[in-house]
Amino acid sequence: MGPLIVFEAISPATNLMLAFFIGIGFGFVLEQSGFSSSRKLAGMFYGYDTTVLKVFFTAAIVAMTGLLFFSLFGWVDLDMVYVNPTYLTSAIAGGVIMGAGFILGGFCPGTSFCAAAIGKIDAFVFIGGLFIGIFIFTEGYPLWESFHNAGFMGSPRVNEMIGLSQGVFAFLLILAAFGMFWAGEWAEKKFAGNYRS
């Protein structure tokens, strides 16, 4: 739970309990948004349904804007927000592998568990493949450890890397989001008819 556990404002047990309930809430929202449907998720890659793009991009810019205002009012210290370290080489390779798996299976790891929770067989098959991949990665880790750790960049922030202030970067990202929403609407109108059953 972010800085709460770091500052010992909550106990580790409370941290786990909150994570458990937040996870249930997140899964419920995913399912209610239709993200337990592999057809809907795959639609992102074929252009006939861009709900995934709209939902996650909206969530990102709302969270970003909220954090910036919280920081402005002194309610959050952005320096205390944890940023995952970046290993560029493995991040690119992992992105390609996950993207390919997403297109082929119709799920990402989170949505596969969401779909499994309501009994979808294809989700159970996807999760089986996911665990096989985890097993191969962990058991064979000494073989690709150097590749995994290549391209270490610390914990960079994009706005600092390109020399922009947080506010300007946020504004440009919001403009990009609106541009992507427009492109998504255009793609749905163009391609939806091709995949209608």
N, C-alpha and C. Protein backbone atom coordinates (compact mmCIF):
# COMPACT_ATOMS: atom_id res chain seq x y z
N MET A 1 0.83 -1.20 0.00
CA MET A 1 0.00 0.00 0.00
C MET A 1 0.87 1.25 0.00
N GLY A 2 1.74 1.37 -0.98
CA GLY A 2 2.52 2.58 -1.16
C GLY A 2 3.30 2.95 0.08
N PRO A 3 3.32 4.23 0.42
CA PRO A 3 4.14 4.68 1.54
C PRO A 3 3.57 4.30 2.90
N LEU A 4 2.31 3.83 2.96
CA LEU A 4 1.73 3.50 4.26
C LEU A 4 2.53 2.43 4.97
N ILE A 5 2.93 1.38 4.23
CA ILE A 5 3.69 0.29 4.86
C ILE A 5 5.13 0.73 5.12
N VAL A 6 5.67 1.60 4.24
CA VAL A 6 7.04 2.08 4.43
C VAL A 6 7.16 2.88 5.72
N PHE A 7 6.17 3.72 6.01
CA PHE A 7 6.18 4.54 7.22
C PHE A 7 5.57 3.83 8.42
N GLU A 8 5.26 2.54 8.24
CA GLU A 8 4.69 1.72 9.32
C GLU A 8 3.40 2.31 9.86
N ALA A 9 2.65 2.99 8.95
CA ALA A 9 1.34 3.51 9.34
C ALA A 9 0.33 2.37 9.47
N ILE A 10 0.60 1.28 8.74
CA ILE A 10 -0.23 0.08 8.86
C ILE A 10 0.70 -1.11 9.03
N SER A 11 0.16 -2.19 9.63
CA SER A 11 0.97 -3.39 9.85
C SER A 11 1.05 -4.21 8.57
N PRO A 12 2.03 -5.13 8.47
CA PRO A 12 2.09 -6.00 7.28
C PRO A 12 0.80 -6.80 7.09
N ALA A 13 0.18 -7.24 8.18
CA ALA A 13 -1.07 -8.00 8.06
C ALA A 13 -2.18 -7.14 7.48
N THR A 14 -2.27 -5.90 7.94
CA THR A 14 -3.28 -4.97 7.41
C THR A 14 -3.00 -4.68 5.94
N ASN A 15 -1.71 -4.55 5.62
CA ASN A 15 -1.31 -4.31 4.24
C ASN A 15 -1.81 -5.43 3.33
N LEU A 16 -1.62 -6.68 3.76
CA LEU A 16 -2.07 -7.82 2.97
C LEU A 16 -3.59 -7.86 2.87
N MET A 17 -4.26 -7.55 3.97
CA MET A 17 -5.72 -7.58 3.97
C MET A 17 -6.27 -6.53 3.00
N LEU A 18 -5.70 -5.32 3.04
CA LEU A 18 -6.15 -4.26 2.13
C LEU A 18 -5.87 -4.65 0.68
N ALA A 19 -4.70 -5.25 0.43
CA ALA A 19 -4.37 -5.68 -0.93
C ALA A 19 -5.36 -6.74 -1.41
N PHE A 20 -5.75 -7.63 -0.50
CA PHE A 20 -6.72 -8.69 -0.85
C PHE A 20 -8.05 -8.09 -1.29
N PHE A 21 -8.56 -7.15 -0.51
CA PHE A 21 -9.86 -6.57 -0.84
C PHE A 21 -9.78 -5.65 -2.08
N ILE A 22 -8.67 -4.93 -2.22
CA ILE A 22 -8.50 -4.11 -3.42
C ILE A 22 -8.43 -5.01 -4.66
N GLY A 23 -7.75 -6.16 -4.51
CA GLY A 23 -7.67 -7.10 -5.63
C GLY A 23 -9.04 -7.62 -6.03
N ILE A 24 -9.87 -7.94 -5.03
CA ILE A 24 -11.23 -8.41 -5.32
C ILE A 24 -12.02 -7.30 -6.03
N GLY A 25 -11.88 -6.07 -5.53
CA GLY A 25 -12.59 -4.95 -6.16
C GLY A 25 -12.13 -4.72 -7.58
N PHE A 26 -10.82 -4.84 -7.81
CA PHE A 26 -10.28 -4.64 -9.16
C PHE A 26 -10.81 -5.72 -10.11
N GLY A 27 -10.81 -6.97 -9.63
CA GLY A 27 -11.33 -8.05 -10.45
C GLY A 27 -12.80 -7.87 -10.77
N PHE A 28 -13.57 -7.41 -9.78
CA PHE A 28 -15.01 -7.18 -10.00
C PHE A 28 -15.22 -6.11 -11.08
N VAL A 29 -14.46 -5.03 -10.99
CA VAL A 29 -14.59 -3.95 -11.99
C VAL A 29 -14.20 -4.46 -13.38
N LEU A 30 -13.12 -5.25 -13.45
CA LEU A 30 -12.71 -5.81 -14.74
C LEU A 30 -13.82 -6.66 -15.34
N GLU A 31 -14.41 -7.51 -14.51
CA GLU A 31 -15.45 -8.41 -15.03
C GLU A 31 -16.67 -7.62 -15.47
N GLN A 32 -17.07 -6.64 -14.67
CA GLN A 32 -18.23 -5.82 -15.00
C GLN A 32 -17.99 -4.97 -16.24
N SER A 33 -16.72 -4.67 -16.54
CA SER A 33 -16.39 -3.89 -17.73
C SER A 33 -16.30 -4.75 -18.99
N GLY A 34 -16.51 -6.06 -18.82
CA GLY A 34 -16.47 -6.96 -19.96
C GLY A 34 -15.09 -7.49 -20.28
N PHE A 35 -14.12 -7.29 -19.38
CA PHE A 35 -12.76 -7.70 -19.64
C PHE A 35 -12.52 -9.18 -19.36
N SER A 36 -13.57 -9.91 -19.06
CA SER A 36 -13.42 -11.37 -18.94
C SER A 36 -13.69 -12.03 -20.29
N SER A 37 -13.99 -11.24 -21.30
CA SER A 37 -14.25 -11.75 -22.65
C SER A 37 -12.99 -11.64 -23.50
N SER A 38 -12.46 -12.78 -23.93
CA SER A 38 -11.26 -12.76 -24.76
C SER A 38 -11.54 -12.08 -26.10
N ARG A 39 -12.78 -12.22 -26.60
CA ARG A 39 -13.13 -11.58 -27.88
C ARG A 39 -13.05 -10.06 -27.75
N LYS A 40 -13.54 -9.54 -26.61
CA LYS A 40 -13.50 -8.09 -26.40
C LYS A 40 -12.05 -7.61 -26.26
N LEU A 41 -11.24 -8.36 -25.54
CA LEU A 41 -9.84 -7.96 -25.34
C LEU A 41 -9.05 -8.03 -26.64
N ALA A 42 -9.28 -9.11 -27.40
CA ALA A 42 -8.56 -9.25 -28.67
C ALA A 42 -8.98 -8.18 -29.66
N GLY A 43 -10.19 -7.64 -29.48
CA GLY A 43 -10.68 -6.58 -30.37
C GLY A 43 -9.78 -5.38 -30.41
N MET A 44 -9.00 -5.18 -29.34
CA MET A 44 -8.05 -4.06 -29.30
C MET A 44 -7.03 -4.18 -30.41
N PHE A 45 -6.58 -5.41 -30.67
CA PHE A 45 -5.52 -5.62 -31.66
C PHE A 45 -6.06 -5.63 -33.09
N TYR A 46 -7.36 -5.94 -33.23
CA TYR A 46 -7.95 -5.98 -34.57
C TYR A 46 -8.73 -4.70 -34.89
N GLY A 47 -8.88 -3.82 -33.90
CA GLY A 47 -9.47 -2.51 -34.14
C GLY A 47 -10.98 -2.43 -34.00
N TYR A 48 -11.67 -3.55 -33.77
CA TYR A 48 -13.13 -3.49 -33.72
C TYR A 48 -13.68 -3.15 -32.33
N ASP A 49 -12.82 -3.19 -31.30
CA ASP A 49 -13.26 -2.84 -29.95
C ASP A 49 -12.07 -2.28 -29.18
N THR A 50 -12.08 -0.98 -28.93
CA THR A 50 -10.93 -0.35 -28.27
C THR A 50 -11.24 0.04 -26.83
N THR A 51 -12.16 -0.71 -26.21
CA THR A 51 -12.53 -0.42 -24.82
C THR A 51 -11.32 -0.49 -23.90
N VAL A 52 -10.44 -1.48 -24.14
CA VAL A 52 -9.26 -1.66 -23.28
C VAL A 52 -8.41 -0.38 -23.29
N LEU A 53 -8.17 0.13 -24.49
CA LEU A 53 -7.38 1.37 -24.62
C LEU A 53 -8.02 2.51 -23.84
N LYS A 54 -9.34 2.67 -24.03
CA LYS A 54 -10.03 3.80 -23.41
C LYS A 54 -10.04 3.68 -21.88
N VAL A 55 -10.32 2.47 -21.38
CA VAL A 55 -10.42 2.29 -19.92
C VAL A 55 -9.07 2.49 -19.24
N PHE A 56 -8.04 1.83 -19.76
CA PHE A 56 -6.75 1.89 -19.08
C PHE A 56 -6.06 3.25 -19.28
N PHE A 57 -6.24 3.85 -20.44
CA PHE A 57 -5.65 5.18 -20.65
C PHE A 57 -6.36 6.21 -19.76
N THR A 58 -7.70 6.07 -19.64
CA THR A 58 -8.45 6.96 -18.75
C THR A 58 -7.98 6.79 -17.30
N ALA A 59 -7.82 5.53 -16.88
CA ALA A 59 -7.35 5.28 -15.50
C ALA A 59 -5.98 5.90 -15.28
N ALA A 60 -5.11 5.79 -16.27
CA ALA A 60 -3.74 6.31 -16.13
C ALA A 60 -3.73 7.83 -15.99
N ILE A 61 -4.49 8.51 -16.86
CA ILE A 61 -4.43 9.98 -16.80
C ILE A 61 -5.19 10.52 -15.58
N VAL A 62 -6.25 9.81 -15.14
CA VAL A 62 -6.94 10.24 -13.92
C VAL A 62 -6.02 10.09 -12.71
N ALA A 63 -5.32 8.94 -12.62
CA ALA A 63 -4.40 8.72 -11.50
C ALA A 63 -3.25 9.72 -11.53
N MET A 64 -2.72 9.97 -12.74
CA MET A 64 -1.61 10.92 -12.88
C MET A 64 -2.05 12.32 -12.46
N THR A 65 -3.20 12.76 -12.97
CA THR A 65 -3.69 14.10 -12.63
C THR A 65 -3.98 14.21 -11.13
N GLY A 66 -4.58 13.17 -10.57
CA GLY A 66 -4.87 13.18 -9.13
C GLY A 66 -3.61 13.28 -8.30
N LEU A 67 -2.58 12.53 -8.67
CA LEU A 67 -1.32 12.58 -7.92
C LEU A 67 -0.67 13.96 -8.02
N LEU A 68 -0.74 14.55 -9.22
CA LEU A 68 -0.15 15.88 -9.38
C LEU A 68 -0.85 16.92 -8.51
N PHE A 69 -2.19 16.86 -8.47
CA PHE A 69 -2.93 17.81 -7.63
C PHE A 69 -2.70 17.52 -6.15
N PHE A 70 -2.64 16.24 -5.77
CA PHE A 70 -2.36 15.88 -4.38
C PHE A 70 -0.99 16.41 -3.98
N SER A 71 -0.02 16.32 -4.92
CA SER A 71 1.32 16.83 -4.64
C SER A 71 1.29 18.36 -4.51
N LEU A 72 0.51 19.00 -5.40
CA LEU A 72 0.39 20.46 -5.37
C LEU A 72 -0.16 20.95 -4.03
N PHE A 73 -1.14 20.21 -3.49
CA PHE A 73 -1.75 20.60 -2.22
C PHE A 73 -0.95 20.10 -1.01
N GLY A 74 0.16 19.37 -1.28
CA GLY A 74 0.99 18.89 -0.18
C GLY A 74 0.46 17.66 0.50
N TRP A 75 -0.46 16.94 -0.17
CA TRP A 75 -1.04 15.74 0.45
C TRP A 75 -0.22 14.49 0.15
N VAL A 76 0.58 14.53 -0.92
CA VAL A 76 1.41 13.39 -1.32
C VAL A 76 2.79 13.90 -1.70
N ASP A 77 3.82 13.20 -1.21
CA ASP A 77 5.19 13.50 -1.61
C ASP A 77 5.55 12.55 -2.75
N LEU A 78 5.62 13.10 -3.98
CA LEU A 78 5.86 12.23 -5.14
C LEU A 78 7.21 11.53 -5.06
N ASP A 79 8.15 12.08 -4.30
CA ASP A 79 9.45 11.41 -4.16
C ASP A 79 9.32 10.10 -3.39
N MET A 80 8.19 9.95 -2.66
CA MET A 80 7.99 8.72 -1.89
C MET A 80 7.21 7.66 -2.68
N VAL A 81 6.78 8.03 -3.89
CA VAL A 81 6.05 7.06 -4.72
C VAL A 81 7.05 6.12 -5.38
N TYR A 82 6.87 4.84 -5.16
CA TYR A 82 7.82 3.84 -5.66
C TYR A 82 7.71 3.70 -7.18
N VAL A 83 8.83 3.74 -7.84
CA VAL A 83 8.88 3.52 -9.28
C VAL A 83 9.72 2.27 -9.53
N ASN A 84 9.15 1.30 -10.22
CA ASN A 84 9.87 0.06 -10.49
C ASN A 84 11.16 0.34 -11.25
N PRO A 85 12.24 -0.35 -10.88
CA PRO A 85 13.48 -0.20 -11.65
C PRO A 85 13.28 -0.73 -13.07
N THR A 86 13.97 -0.11 -14.02
CA THR A 86 13.82 -0.48 -15.43
C THR A 86 15.04 -1.26 -15.92
N TYR A 87 14.77 -2.43 -16.47
CA TYR A 87 15.78 -3.24 -17.16
C TYR A 87 15.33 -3.25 -18.62
N LEU A 88 15.91 -2.35 -19.42
CA LEU A 88 15.36 -2.06 -20.75
C LEU A 88 15.29 -3.28 -21.66
N THR A 89 16.37 -4.07 -21.69
CA THR A 89 16.41 -5.21 -22.61
C THR A 89 15.30 -6.22 -22.31
N SER A 90 15.22 -6.61 -21.04
CA SER A 90 14.20 -7.61 -20.69
C SER A 90 12.80 -7.00 -20.73
N ALA A 91 12.69 -5.68 -20.51
CA ALA A 91 11.37 -5.04 -20.60
C ALA A 91 10.84 -5.11 -22.04
N ILE A 92 11.73 -4.86 -23.01
CA ILE A 92 11.31 -4.94 -24.42
C ILE A 92 10.96 -6.38 -24.78
N ALA A 93 11.84 -7.32 -24.39
CA ALA A 93 11.57 -8.73 -24.70
C ALA A 93 10.28 -9.20 -24.03
N GLY A 94 10.11 -8.82 -22.77
CA GLY A 94 8.89 -9.21 -22.05
C GLY A 94 7.64 -8.61 -22.67
N GLY A 95 7.76 -7.37 -23.13
CA GLY A 95 6.61 -6.73 -23.77
C GLY A 95 6.20 -7.44 -25.05
N VAL A 96 7.20 -7.84 -25.83
CA VAL A 96 6.92 -8.56 -27.08
C VAL A 96 6.26 -9.92 -26.78
N ILE A 97 6.83 -10.64 -25.79
CA ILE A 97 6.28 -11.96 -25.45
C ILE A 97 4.86 -11.83 -24.91
N MET A 98 4.64 -10.87 -24.02
CA MET A 98 3.31 -10.70 -23.45
C MET A 98 2.31 -10.26 -24.52
N GLY A 99 2.76 -9.36 -25.42
CA GLY A 99 1.86 -8.91 -26.49
C GLY A 99 1.44 -10.07 -27.38
N ALA A 100 2.43 -10.91 -27.72
CA ALA A 100 2.11 -12.07 -28.56
C ALA A 100 1.15 -13.01 -27.83
N GLY A 101 1.41 -13.22 -26.54
CA GLY A 101 0.51 -14.08 -25.75
C GLY A 101 -0.88 -13.49 -25.64
N PHE A 102 -0.95 -12.18 -25.53
CA PHE A 102 -2.24 -11.48 -25.43
C PHE A 102 -3.06 -11.69 -26.71
N ILE A 103 -2.38 -11.52 -27.86
CA ILE A 103 -3.08 -11.68 -29.14
C ILE A 103 -3.53 -13.13 -29.34
N LEU A 104 -2.63 -14.08 -29.04
CA LEU A 104 -2.95 -15.49 -29.27
C LEU A 104 -4.00 -16.01 -28.28
N GLY A 105 -3.84 -15.64 -27.00
CA GLY A 105 -4.74 -16.19 -25.98
C GLY A 105 -5.97 -15.35 -25.70
N GLY A 106 -5.91 -14.07 -26.03
CA GLY A 106 -7.06 -13.21 -25.79
C GLY A 106 -7.16 -12.69 -24.37
N PHE A 107 -6.12 -12.93 -23.57
CA PHE A 107 -6.12 -12.44 -22.18
C PHE A 107 -4.75 -11.89 -21.84
N CYS A 108 -4.73 -11.01 -20.80
CA CYS A 108 -3.48 -10.72 -20.10
C CYS A 108 -3.57 -11.51 -18.80
N PRO A 109 -2.50 -11.57 -18.01
CA PRO A 109 -2.58 -12.38 -16.78
C PRO A 109 -3.75 -12.00 -15.87
N GLY A 110 -3.95 -10.71 -15.65
CA GLY A 110 -5.02 -10.29 -14.74
C GLY A 110 -6.41 -10.66 -15.24
N THR A 111 -6.68 -10.39 -16.51
CA THR A 111 -8.01 -10.68 -17.04
C THR A 111 -8.26 -12.18 -17.17
N SER A 112 -7.17 -12.98 -17.30
CA SER A 112 -7.37 -14.43 -17.37
C SER A 112 -7.92 -14.96 -16.05
N PHE A 113 -7.41 -14.45 -14.93
CA PHE A 113 -7.93 -14.88 -13.62
C PHE A 113 -9.36 -14.37 -13.43
N CYS A 114 -9.62 -13.18 -13.95
CA CYS A 114 -10.96 -12.63 -13.88
C CYS A 114 -11.95 -13.54 -14.61
N ALA A 115 -11.55 -13.99 -15.81
CA ALA A 115 -12.42 -14.87 -16.59
C ALA A 115 -12.52 -16.25 -15.96
N ALA A 116 -11.42 -16.74 -15.37
CA ALA A 116 -11.45 -18.05 -14.70
C ALA A 116 -12.42 -18.04 -13.52
N ALA A 117 -12.52 -16.87 -12.86
CA ALA A 117 -13.40 -16.76 -11.69
C ALA A 117 -14.85 -16.97 -12.05
N ILE A 118 -15.21 -16.75 -13.32
CA ILE A 118 -16.59 -17.00 -13.73
C ILE A 118 -16.69 -18.26 -14.59
N GLY A 119 -15.62 -19.10 -14.53
CA GLY A 119 -15.68 -20.44 -15.09
C GLY A 119 -15.37 -20.59 -16.56
N LYS A 120 -14.66 -19.63 -17.17
CA LYS A 120 -14.37 -19.75 -18.60
C LYS A 120 -13.20 -20.72 -18.84
N ILE A 121 -13.45 -21.73 -19.67
CA ILE A 121 -12.47 -22.78 -19.91
C ILE A 121 -11.21 -22.22 -20.59
N ASP A 122 -11.39 -21.32 -21.56
CA ASP A 122 -10.21 -20.79 -22.26
C ASP A 122 -9.29 -20.04 -21.30
N ALA A 123 -9.88 -19.44 -20.26
CA ALA A 123 -9.06 -18.74 -19.26
C ALA A 123 -8.23 -19.73 -18.45
N PHE A 124 -8.83 -20.89 -18.11
CA PHE A 124 -8.07 -21.91 -17.37
C PHE A 124 -6.89 -22.42 -18.21
N VAL A 125 -7.13 -22.60 -19.51
CA VAL A 125 -6.05 -23.05 -20.40
C VAL A 125 -4.94 -21.99 -20.45
N PHE A 126 -5.34 -20.71 -20.55
CA PHE A 126 -4.38 -19.61 -20.58
C PHE A 126 -3.56 -19.60 -19.29
N ILE A 127 -4.23 -19.76 -18.15
CA ILE A 127 -3.52 -19.74 -16.85
C ILE A 127 -2.55 -20.93 -16.76
N GLY A 128 -2.95 -22.07 -17.31
CA GLY A 128 -2.04 -23.21 -17.34
C GLY A 128 -0.76 -22.86 -18.09
N GLY A 129 -0.91 -22.20 -19.24
CA GLY A 129 0.26 -21.78 -20.01
C GLY A 129 1.08 -20.75 -19.25
N LEU A 130 0.40 -19.90 -18.52
CA LEU A 130 1.09 -18.86 -17.73
C LEU A 130 1.99 -19.51 -16.68
N PHE A 131 1.46 -20.54 -15.98
CA PHE A 131 2.27 -21.19 -14.95
C PHE A 131 3.42 -21.99 -15.56
N ILE A 132 3.19 -22.56 -16.74
CA ILE A 132 4.30 -23.26 -17.43
C ILE A 132 5.41 -22.26 -17.75
N GLY A 133 5.03 -21.06 -18.22
CA GLY A 133 6.02 -20.03 -18.52
C GLY A 133 6.77 -19.60 -17.27
N ILE A 134 6.05 -19.44 -16.15
CA ILE A 134 6.71 -19.06 -14.89
C ILE A 134 7.69 -20.13 -14.46
N PHE A 135 7.28 -21.40 -14.59
CA PHE A 135 8.15 -22.51 -14.19
C PHE A 135 9.43 -22.51 -15.03
N ILE A 136 9.27 -22.37 -16.35
CA ILE A 136 10.45 -22.39 -17.24
C ILE A 136 11.38 -21.22 -16.91
N PHE A 137 10.79 -20.03 -16.66
CA PHE A 137 11.61 -18.86 -16.37
C PHE A 137 12.39 -19.03 -15.07
N THR A 138 11.71 -19.48 -14.02
CA THR A 138 12.39 -19.60 -12.72
C THR A 138 13.41 -20.73 -12.70
N GLU A 139 13.05 -21.88 -13.27
CA GLU A 139 13.98 -23.02 -13.25
C GLU A 139 15.18 -22.79 -14.17
N GLY A 140 14.98 -22.03 -15.24
CA GLY A 140 16.08 -21.79 -16.17
C GLY A 140 16.76 -20.45 -15.96
N TYR A 141 16.44 -19.77 -14.85
CA TYR A 141 16.92 -18.41 -14.64
C TYR A 141 18.44 -18.23 -14.79
N PRO A 142 19.26 -19.16 -14.28
CA PRO A 142 20.71 -18.98 -14.46
C PRO A 142 21.12 -18.85 -15.92
N LEU A 143 20.33 -19.44 -16.83
CA LEU A 143 20.67 -19.39 -18.25
C LEU A 143 20.47 -17.99 -18.83
N TRP A 144 19.46 -17.28 -18.36
CA TRP A 144 19.16 -15.96 -18.95
C TRP A 144 19.24 -14.84 -17.91
N GLU A 145 19.96 -15.07 -16.80
CA GLU A 145 20.09 -14.04 -15.77
C GLU A 145 20.77 -12.77 -16.32
N SER A 146 21.85 -12.94 -17.09
CA SER A 146 22.56 -11.75 -17.59
C SER A 146 21.67 -10.97 -18.56
N PHE A 147 20.88 -11.69 -19.39
CA PHE A 147 19.96 -11.03 -20.31
C PHE A 147 18.88 -10.29 -19.53
N HIS A 148 18.37 -10.94 -18.47
CA HIS A 148 17.32 -10.33 -17.65
C HIS A 148 17.77 -9.03 -17.01
N ASN A 149 19.03 -8.97 -16.59
CA ASN A 149 19.54 -7.80 -15.88
C ASN A 149 20.19 -6.76 -16.79
N ALA A 150 20.19 -7.02 -18.11
CA ALA A 150 20.84 -6.09 -19.04
C ALA A 150 20.02 -4.81 -19.19
N GLY A 151 20.72 -3.73 -19.49
CA GLY A 151 20.04 -2.45 -19.75
C GLY A 151 19.44 -1.82 -18.52
N PHE A 152 20.09 -2.01 -17.35
CA PHE A 152 19.54 -1.43 -16.12
C PHE A 152 19.61 0.10 -16.17
N MET A 153 18.48 0.74 -15.88
CA MET A 153 18.40 2.21 -15.98
C MET A 153 18.00 2.87 -14.66
N GLY A 154 17.98 2.11 -13.59
CA GLY A 154 17.50 2.67 -12.33
C GLY A 154 15.99 2.80 -12.35
N SER A 155 15.48 3.88 -11.73
CA SER A 155 14.03 4.12 -11.69
C SER A 155 13.73 5.46 -12.36
N PRO A 156 13.85 5.52 -13.68
CA PRO A 156 13.69 6.80 -14.37
C PRO A 156 12.24 7.24 -14.47
N ARG A 157 12.03 8.53 -14.58
CA ARG A 157 10.71 9.09 -14.88
C ARG A 157 10.79 9.70 -16.28
N VAL A 158 9.77 9.44 -17.08
CA VAL A 158 9.82 9.81 -18.49
C VAL A 158 10.01 11.31 -18.65
N ASN A 159 9.30 12.11 -17.84
CA ASN A 159 9.40 13.56 -18.01
C ASN A 159 10.82 14.06 -17.75
N GLU A 160 11.53 13.43 -16.80
CA GLU A 160 12.92 13.82 -16.52
C GLU A 160 13.84 13.40 -17.67
N MET A 161 13.55 12.25 -18.27
CA MET A 161 14.40 11.76 -19.36
C MET A 161 14.33 12.67 -20.58
N ILE A 162 13.15 13.27 -20.81
CA ILE A 162 13.01 14.12 -22.00
C ILE A 162 13.06 15.60 -21.64
N GLY A 163 13.35 15.90 -20.36
CA GLY A 163 13.58 17.28 -19.95
C GLY A 163 12.34 18.15 -19.86
N LEU A 164 11.20 17.57 -19.48
CA LEU A 164 9.97 18.34 -19.32
C LEU A 164 9.55 18.36 -17.87
N SER A 165 8.84 19.40 -17.47
CA SER A 165 8.30 19.43 -16.12
C SER A 165 7.15 18.43 -16.03
N GLN A 166 6.79 18.06 -14.81
CA GLN A 166 5.70 17.09 -14.63
C GLN A 166 4.39 17.62 -15.21
N GLY A 167 4.12 18.92 -15.00
CA GLY A 167 2.86 19.49 -15.48
C GLY A 167 2.76 19.49 -17.00
N VAL A 168 3.85 19.90 -17.68
CA VAL A 168 3.84 19.93 -19.15
C VAL A 168 3.70 18.52 -19.71
N PHE A 169 4.44 17.58 -19.10
CA PHE A 169 4.35 16.20 -19.57
C PHE A 169 2.93 15.66 -19.39
N ALA A 170 2.31 15.96 -18.24
CA ALA A 170 0.94 15.50 -17.99
C ALA A 170 -0.02 16.07 -19.01
N PHE A 171 0.13 17.36 -19.32
CA PHE A 171 -0.74 18.00 -20.31
C PHE A 171 -0.60 17.33 -21.68
N LEU A 172 0.65 17.08 -22.10
CA LEU A 172 0.88 16.44 -23.39
C LEU A 172 0.33 15.01 -23.41
N LEU A 173 0.45 14.32 -22.28
CA LEU A 173 -0.07 12.94 -22.21
C LEU A 173 -1.60 12.93 -22.30
N ILE A 174 -2.23 13.92 -21.68
CA ILE A 174 -3.70 14.01 -21.78
C ILE A 174 -4.13 14.29 -23.22
N LEU A 175 -3.39 15.18 -23.91
CA LEU A 175 -3.68 15.42 -25.32
C LEU A 175 -3.50 14.14 -26.13
N ALA A 176 -2.44 13.39 -25.83
CA ALA A 176 -2.20 12.12 -26.53
C ALA A 176 -3.35 11.15 -26.27
N ALA A 177 -3.87 11.15 -25.03
CA ALA A 177 -4.98 10.26 -24.70
C ALA A 177 -6.20 10.60 -25.54
N PHE A 178 -6.52 11.89 -25.65
CA PHE A 178 -7.67 12.28 -26.46
C PHE A 178 -7.46 11.90 -27.93
N GLY A 179 -6.22 12.04 -28.39
CA GLY A 179 -5.90 11.62 -29.76
C GLY A 179 -6.12 10.13 -29.95
N MET A 180 -5.71 9.34 -28.96
CA MET A 180 -5.88 7.89 -29.04
C MET A 180 -7.36 7.51 -28.96
N PHE A 181 -8.11 8.23 -28.14
CA PHE A 181 -9.56 7.95 -28.06
C PHE A 181 -10.22 8.20 -29.41
N TRP A 182 -9.81 9.31 -30.06
CA TRP A 182 -10.37 9.61 -31.38
C TRP A 182 -9.99 8.51 -32.38
N ALA A 183 -8.73 8.10 -32.34
CA ALA A 183 -8.27 7.04 -33.25
C ALA A 183 -9.02 5.73 -32.96
N GLY A 184 -9.28 5.46 -31.67
CA GLY A 184 -10.02 4.24 -31.32
C GLY A 184 -11.43 4.26 -31.87
N GLU A 185 -12.09 5.40 -31.76
CA GLU A 185 -13.46 5.52 -32.29
C GLU A 185 -13.45 5.33 -33.81
N TRP A 186 -12.45 5.92 -34.45
CA TRP A 186 -12.35 5.79 -35.92
C TRP A 186 -12.15 4.32 -36.30
N ALA A 187 -11.26 3.63 -35.56
CA ALA A 187 -10.98 2.22 -35.87
C ALA A 187 -12.22 1.36 -35.67
N GLU A 188 -12.98 1.62 -34.61
CA GLU A 188 -14.18 0.82 -34.36
C GLU A 188 -15.19 0.98 -35.49
N LYS A 189 -15.35 2.21 -35.98
CA LYS A 189 -16.30 2.43 -37.08
C LYS A 189 -15.83 1.73 -38.36
N LYS A 190 -14.51 1.69 -38.54
CA LYS A 190 -13.97 1.12 -39.78
C LYS A 190 -13.96 -0.41 -39.76
N PHE A 191 -13.62 -1.00 -38.58
CA PHE A 191 -13.38 -2.44 -38.55
C PHE A 191 -14.48 -3.26 -37.87
N ALA A 192 -15.37 -2.62 -37.11
CA ALA A 192 -16.36 -3.39 -36.35
C ALA A 192 -17.21 -4.27 -37.25
N GLY A 193 -17.58 -3.78 -38.42
CA GLY A 193 -18.42 -4.55 -39.32
C GLY A 193 -17.76 -5.82 -39.82
N ASN A 194 -16.43 -5.82 -39.90
CA ASN A 194 -15.72 -6.99 -40.42
C ASN A 194 -15.76 -8.18 -39.46
N TYR A 195 -16.00 -7.90 -38.15
CA TYR A 195 -15.94 -8.97 -37.15
C TYR A 195 -17.28 -9.22 -36.49
N ARG A 196 -18.34 -8.60 -37.02
CA ARG A 196 -19.65 -8.81 -36.44
C ARG A 196 -20.14 -10.20 -36.81
N SER A 197 -20.60 -10.96 -35.80
CA SER A 197 -21.06 -12.33 -36.10
C SER A 197 -22.56 -12.34 -36.38
